[in-house]
Amino acid sequence: MTRLGFIGLGIMGRGMTANLVEAGHRVTVWNRTPGKADGLDVAVVDSPQDVGPESDIVFVCVSDTPDVEEVVFGDYGVIHGMTGGDVLVDHSTISPVATKLFASQAEELGIDWVDAPVSGGSEGAERGTLAVMAGGPTAALDRVRPFMEAFSSSIVHVGEEPGSGQMVKAVNQVLVVLNQLAASEALLLAQSAGLDLRKTLAAVEGGAAGSWMLSNRGPQMIGRDWRPGFTIDLQQKDLRLVLEAADEFGAVVPGVALVHQLYRSLQTRGLGGEGNHALVKALEQLTGFELGR
């Protein structure tokens, strides 16, 4: 049986790990807060390095580029416990430039690196319906694909070049935040006109105006339920990566820049831990009324 390791049991990683266990796989885990593994039938170890000897394939899902560098290459990083022929799959959303460097360092040790950021929120992680955008060697992806199928419904190999998965994730996040901005503006317009918000949502979501954000976050916005499928703070980290990539390639992304500033205004109010659909709160300040009230 292929031995699996998982590092990072946060808002996404715990659900992904639970689905691996449900599929019958043996999983060794490490998380900064060990209690996040409570209730999971997994082996918990004391450091990322300890995951390596117990795993043939290691999945990583942490917050940002420095976190990946620490848990993989730090003094107690997992890479020190891995051997040639192993595969590391990074499900984090991080810098494409750093990903190329990390993959090169792993390759020197005979370890394949697959950059495979995901989309679908905590709901997708729990339901096993995440979308995976993967970059890296075809043979390595083919080896890990059967295991990723435990927590995903779509796995697309977007390129052999390390970092290509991260660039597609940047594209994904542009679409996510601009759809969220559109949903926020549309529902506020509906309320200003005195429309029934839930009926309006039902009327438009099945047509050309429909989107995942509208259907999944629209009801939460109307009900003023700000529990995160993905937090504002994490969304801002992703938008920083998008804006850095846009600078590198000379792309023009004014909508992303606007949303980045709107989210920043919410962070200054201490709302960074709320769901990214709380973007509507920034527009509520401009309109002078609250959605659903």
Protein backbone atom coordinates (compact mmCIF):
# COMPACT_ATOMS: atom_id res chain seq x y z
CA MET A 1 0.00 0.00 0.00
CA THR A 2 1.33 3.44 -0.93
CA ARG A 3 2.02 5.43 2.22
CA LEU A 4 0.70 9.00 2.28
CA GLY A 5 1.70 12.03 4.30
CA PHE A 6 -0.22 15.27 4.76
CA ILE A 7 1.16 18.52 6.17
CA GLY A 8 -1.34 21.27 7.01
CA LEU A 9 -4.76 20.51 8.48
CA GLY A 10 -6.25 23.95 8.09
CA ILE A 11 -9.48 25.11 6.47
CA MET A 12 -8.73 23.00 3.38
CA GLY A 13 -6.27 20.34 4.50
CA ARG A 14 -8.39 18.70 7.17
CA GLY A 15 -11.23 17.96 4.76
CA MET A 16 -8.80 16.67 2.14
CA THR A 17 -7.14 14.38 4.68
CA ALA A 18 -10.50 13.11 5.91
CA ASN A 19 -11.40 12.09 2.37
CA LEU A 20 -8.10 10.25 1.94
CA VAL A 21 -8.81 8.30 5.14
CA GLU A 22 -12.40 7.63 4.03
CA ALA A 23 -11.02 6.18 0.78
CA GLY A 24 -9.04 3.68 2.82
CA HIS A 25 -5.57 5.23 2.67
CA ARG A 26 -3.02 5.23 5.47
CA VAL A 27 -2.06 8.84 6.24
CA THR A 28 0.66 10.29 8.48
CA VAL A 29 0.10 13.95 9.36
CA TRP A 30 1.74 16.96 10.91
CA ASN A 31 0.10 20.26 11.80
CA ARG A 32 1.30 23.18 13.91
CA THR A 33 -1.72 22.61 16.14
CA PRO A 34 -1.87 18.83 16.71
CA GLY A 35 -5.47 19.05 17.94
CA LYS A 36 -6.61 19.70 14.37
CA ALA A 37 -6.14 15.96 13.80
CA ASP A 38 -8.62 15.01 16.52
CA GLY A 39 -11.30 12.71 15.15
CA LEU A 40 -9.23 11.62 12.15
CA ASP A 41 -7.92 8.06 11.89
CA VAL A 42 -4.36 9.18 11.14
CA ALA A 43 -0.88 8.88 12.62
CA VAL A 44 0.26 12.20 14.10
CA VAL A 45 4.01 12.95 14.23
CA ASP A 46 6.04 15.65 15.96
CA SER A 47 7.60 17.47 13.00
CA PRO A 48 7.31 17.76 9.21
CA GLN A 49 10.57 15.83 8.92
CA ASP A 50 8.95 12.87 10.69
CA VAL A 51 6.31 12.66 7.95
CA GLY A 52 8.93 11.84 5.30
CA PRO A 53 10.11 8.36 6.40
CA GLU A 54 6.48 7.25 6.77
CA SER A 55 5.38 8.42 3.31
CA ASP A 56 5.95 7.69 -0.37
CA ILE A 57 3.84 10.69 -1.37
CA VAL A 58 3.58 13.84 0.75
CA PHE A 59 0.79 16.40 0.31
CA VAL A 60 1.33 19.94 1.61
CA CYS A 61 -1.44 22.49 2.11
CA VAL A 62 -0.32 25.55 4.07
CA SER A 63 -0.95 29.27 3.84
CA ASP A 64 1.83 31.04 1.96
CA THR A 65 5.21 30.76 0.25
CA PRO A 66 7.31 31.14 3.44
CA ASP A 67 5.20 28.44 5.11
CA VAL A 68 5.88 25.97 2.29
CA GLU A 69 9.59 26.77 2.45
CA GLU A 70 9.63 26.20 6.21
CA VAL A 71 7.72 22.91 6.34
CA VAL A 72 9.58 21.47 3.34
CA PHE A 73 13.14 22.87 3.51
CA GLY A 74 13.45 24.22 7.07
CA ASP A 75 15.60 22.67 9.79
CA TYR A 76 12.88 20.11 10.47
CA GLY A 77 11.41 20.15 6.95
CA VAL A 78 9.84 17.10 5.40
CA ILE A 79 12.41 16.98 2.60
CA HIS A 80 15.02 15.80 5.11
CA GLY A 81 12.97 12.65 5.75
CA MET A 82 12.13 11.86 2.13
CA THR A 83 14.12 9.67 -0.25
CA GLY A 84 14.74 9.56 -3.99
CA GLY A 85 11.66 8.41 -5.88
CA ASP A 86 9.20 10.06 -3.50
CA VAL A 87 6.74 12.72 -4.70
CA LEU A 88 5.82 15.98 -3.00
CA VAL A 89 2.48 17.53 -4.00
CA ASP A 90 2.01 21.16 -3.00
CA HIS A 91 -1.68 22.06 -2.77
CA SER A 92 -0.88 25.49 -1.29
CA THR A 93 -1.35 28.67 -3.30
CA ILE A 94 2.09 30.28 -3.49
CA SER A 95 4.48 32.16 -5.76
CA PRO A 96 5.03 30.55 -9.18
CA VAL A 97 8.63 31.84 -9.13
CA ALA A 98 9.32 30.25 -5.74
CA THR A 99 7.67 27.04 -6.94
CA LYS A 100 10.21 26.72 -9.76
CA LEU A 101 13.03 27.09 -7.23
CA PHE A 102 11.48 24.59 -4.80
CA ALA A 103 10.94 22.05 -7.57
CA SER A 104 14.56 22.42 -8.68
CA GLN A 105 15.83 21.87 -5.14
CA ALA A 106 13.66 18.78 -4.74
CA GLU A 107 14.78 17.41 -8.11
CA GLU A 108 18.40 17.55 -6.96
CA LEU A 109 17.40 15.03 -4.27
CA GLY A 110 15.53 12.80 -6.72
CA ILE A 111 12.11 13.95 -5.50
CA ASP A 112 9.40 14.97 -7.95
CA TRP A 113 7.46 18.17 -7.22
CA VAL A 114 3.88 18.63 -8.38
CA ASP A 115 2.39 22.09 -7.82
CA ALA A 116 -1.33 21.49 -7.54
CA PRO A 117 -3.31 24.38 -6.02
CA VAL A 118 -7.00 23.75 -5.51
CA SER A 119 -10.28 25.64 -5.78
CA GLY A 120 -13.68 24.96 -4.28
CA GLY A 121 -13.50 26.25 -0.73
CA SER A 122 -13.83 24.31 2.49
CA GLU A 123 -17.06 22.82 1.17
CA GLY A 124 -15.22 21.28 -1.78
CA ALA A 125 -12.52 19.91 0.51
CA GLU A 126 -15.11 18.27 2.75
CA ARG A 127 -17.27 16.92 -0.09
CA GLY A 128 -14.34 15.73 -2.19
CA THR A 129 -15.24 18.01 -5.11
CA LEU A 130 -12.20 20.27 -5.35
CA ALA A 131 -10.81 21.40 -8.70
CA VAL A 132 -7.07 20.75 -8.99
CA MET A 133 -4.84 22.64 -11.43
CA ALA A 134 -1.57 20.72 -11.58
CA GLY A 135 1.86 21.53 -12.96
CA GLY A 136 4.88 19.24 -13.10
CA PRO A 137 6.07 15.96 -14.61
CA THR A 138 3.36 13.83 -16.23
CA ALA A 139 4.67 10.63 -14.67
CA ALA A 140 4.59 12.14 -11.18
CA LEU A 141 1.05 13.43 -11.63
CA ASP A 142 -0.09 10.06 -12.95
CA ARG A 143 1.31 8.47 -9.81
CA VAL A 144 -0.51 10.80 -7.40
CA ARG A 145 -3.74 11.27 -9.37
CA PRO A 146 -5.55 8.21 -7.91
CA PHE A 147 -5.06 9.63 -4.42
CA MET A 148 -6.06 13.18 -5.33
CA GLU A 149 -9.30 11.76 -6.71
CA ALA A 150 -10.34 11.12 -3.10
CA PHE A 151 -10.84 14.87 -2.55
CA SER A 152 -11.34 16.26 -6.06
CA SER A 153 -13.78 15.98 -8.93
CA SER A 154 -11.53 17.68 -11.50
CA ILE A 155 -7.77 17.28 -12.02
CA VAL A 156 -6.31 19.10 -15.01
CA HIS A 157 -2.63 18.87 -15.92
CA VAL A 158 -1.94 22.41 -17.10
CA GLY A 159 1.76 22.01 -17.95
CA GLU A 160 5.04 20.19 -17.38
CA GLU A 161 6.76 23.38 -16.23
CA PRO A 162 6.89 23.79 -12.42
CA GLY A 163 4.78 26.76 -11.38
CA SER A 164 2.25 26.39 -14.19
CA GLY A 165 -0.35 25.16 -11.72
CA GLN A 166 0.25 28.23 -9.57
CA MET A 167 -0.21 30.53 -12.56
CA VAL A 168 -3.53 28.90 -13.43
CA LYS A 169 -4.57 29.35 -9.79
CA ALA A 170 -3.85 33.08 -10.19
CA VAL A 171 -6.22 33.10 -13.17
CA ASN A 172 -8.77 31.25 -11.04
CA GLN A 173 -8.56 33.85 -8.29
CA VAL A 174 -9.13 36.71 -10.71
CA LEU A 175 -12.41 35.06 -11.69
CA VAL A 176 -13.35 34.29 -8.08
CA VAL A 177 -13.00 37.82 -6.74
CA LEU A 178 -14.55 39.56 -9.73
CA ASN A 179 -17.53 37.20 -9.59
CA GLN A 180 -17.81 37.99 -5.89
CA LEU A 181 -17.72 41.72 -6.62
CA ALA A 182 -20.42 41.27 -9.26
CA ALA A 183 -22.60 39.24 -6.88
CA SER A 184 -22.21 41.89 -4.19
CA GLU A 185 -23.14 44.78 -6.48
CA ALA A 186 -26.06 42.89 -8.02
CA LEU A 187 -27.68 41.90 -4.74
CA LEU A 188 -27.27 45.41 -3.33
CA LEU A 189 -28.96 46.77 -6.46
CA ALA A 190 -31.80 44.29 -6.02
CA GLN A 191 -32.30 45.35 -2.42
CA SER A 192 -32.25 49.04 -3.29
CA ALA A 193 -35.10 48.34 -5.74
CA GLY A 194 -37.12 46.52 -3.07
CA LEU A 195 -36.86 43.09 -4.70
CA ASP A 196 -37.08 39.77 -2.85
CA LEU A 197 -33.43 38.79 -2.69
CA ARG A 198 -33.87 35.03 -2.61
CA LYS A 199 -36.32 35.04 -5.50
CA THR A 200 -34.03 37.32 -7.47
CA LEU A 201 -31.12 34.96 -6.85
CA ALA A 202 -33.18 31.97 -7.96
CA ALA A 203 -34.24 33.81 -11.11
CA VAL A 204 -30.76 34.72 -12.32
CA GLU A 205 -28.39 32.01 -11.11
CA GLY A 206 -29.45 29.47 -13.74
CA GLY A 207 -28.83 31.79 -16.68
CA ALA A 208 -25.85 33.56 -18.20
CA ALA A 209 -25.34 35.55 -14.99
CA GLY A 210 -24.82 32.43 -12.89
CA SER A 211 -21.56 31.60 -11.13
CA TRP A 212 -20.26 29.38 -8.35
CA MET A 213 -19.75 32.42 -6.13
CA LEU A 214 -23.28 33.68 -6.71
CA SER A 215 -24.93 30.32 -5.99
CA ASN A 216 -22.76 29.38 -3.01
CA ARG A 217 -22.01 32.72 -1.42
CA GLY A 218 -25.16 34.62 -2.43
CA PRO A 219 -27.37 32.84 0.15
CA GLN A 220 -24.73 33.41 2.82
CA MET A 221 -24.60 37.10 1.99
CA ILE A 222 -28.39 37.41 2.14
CA GLY A 223 -28.45 35.56 5.47
CA ARG A 224 -25.47 37.56 6.76
CA ASP A 225 -23.56 34.37 7.43
CA TRP A 226 -19.90 35.28 7.28
CA ARG A 227 -18.41 31.89 8.14
CA PRO A 228 -15.45 31.37 5.81
CA GLY A 229 -15.13 28.87 3.06
CA PHE A 230 -12.05 30.98 2.37
CA THR A 231 -11.01 33.92 4.53
CA ILE A 232 -10.42 37.52 3.48
CA ASP A 233 -6.84 37.30 4.78
CA LEU A 234 -6.08 34.27 2.59
CA GLN A 235 -7.84 35.88 -0.37
CA GLN A 236 -5.66 38.95 0.03
CA LYS A 237 -2.54 36.79 0.00
CA ASP A 238 -3.71 35.26 -3.28
CA LEU A 239 -4.47 38.66 -4.77
CA ARG A 240 -0.98 39.82 -3.83
CA LEU A 241 0.36 36.90 -5.88
CA VAL A 242 -1.93 37.84 -8.78
CA LEU A 243 -0.76 41.46 -8.73
CA GLU A 244 2.89 40.34 -8.58
CA ALA A 245 2.34 38.07 -11.60
CA ALA A 246 0.58 40.88 -13.46
CA ASP A 247 3.59 43.14 -12.85
CA GLU A 248 5.96 40.43 -14.08
CA PHE A 249 4.07 39.76 -17.31
CA GLY A 250 2.74 43.26 -17.98
CA ALA A 251 -0.91 42.27 -17.60
CA VAL A 252 -3.56 44.89 -16.79
CA VAL A 253 -5.89 43.83 -13.95
CA PRO A 254 -7.72 46.93 -12.67
CA GLY A 255 -10.63 44.92 -11.27
CA VAL A 256 -8.30 42.86 -9.09
CA ALA A 257 -6.60 46.02 -7.83
CA LEU A 258 -9.99 47.44 -6.85
CA VAL A 259 -11.05 44.31 -4.98
CA HIS A 260 -7.66 44.21 -3.25
CA GLN A 261 -8.26 47.71 -1.91
CA LEU A 262 -11.83 46.92 -0.85
CA TYR A 263 -10.63 43.86 1.07
CA ARG A 264 -7.91 45.99 2.66
CA SER A 265 -10.58 48.35 3.99
CA LEU A 266 -12.24 45.35 5.65
CA GLN A 267 -8.96 44.15 7.12
CA THR A 268 -8.46 47.56 8.75
CA ARG A 269 -11.82 46.93 10.47
CA GLY A 270 -10.58 43.62 11.84
CA LEU A 271 -12.67 41.49 9.47
CA GLY A 272 -9.83 39.52 7.84
CA GLY A 273 -11.01 36.25 9.39
CA GLU A 274 -14.45 36.44 7.78
CA GLY A 275 -15.37 34.71 4.54
CA ASN A 276 -14.31 36.33 1.28
CA HIS A 277 -18.00 36.95 0.48
CA ALA A 278 -17.91 39.64 3.20
CA LEU A 279 -16.59 41.83 0.37
CA VAL A 280 -20.16 43.11 0.25
CA LYS A 281 -19.55 44.88 3.58
CA ALA A 282 -17.13 47.27 1.87
CA LEU A 283 -19.85 48.21 -0.62
CA GLU A 284 -22.44 48.50 2.16
CA GLN A 285 -20.36 51.32 3.62
CA LEU A 286 -20.61 53.15 0.31
CA THR A 287 -24.34 52.55 -0.20
CA GLY A 288 -25.37 53.32 3.38
CA PHE A 289 -27.46 50.17 3.96
CA GLU A 290 -26.81 46.51 4.74
CA LEU A 291 -27.79 43.58 2.58
CA GLY A 292 -30.64 41.52 3.94
CA ARG A 293 -31.60 44.09 6.55
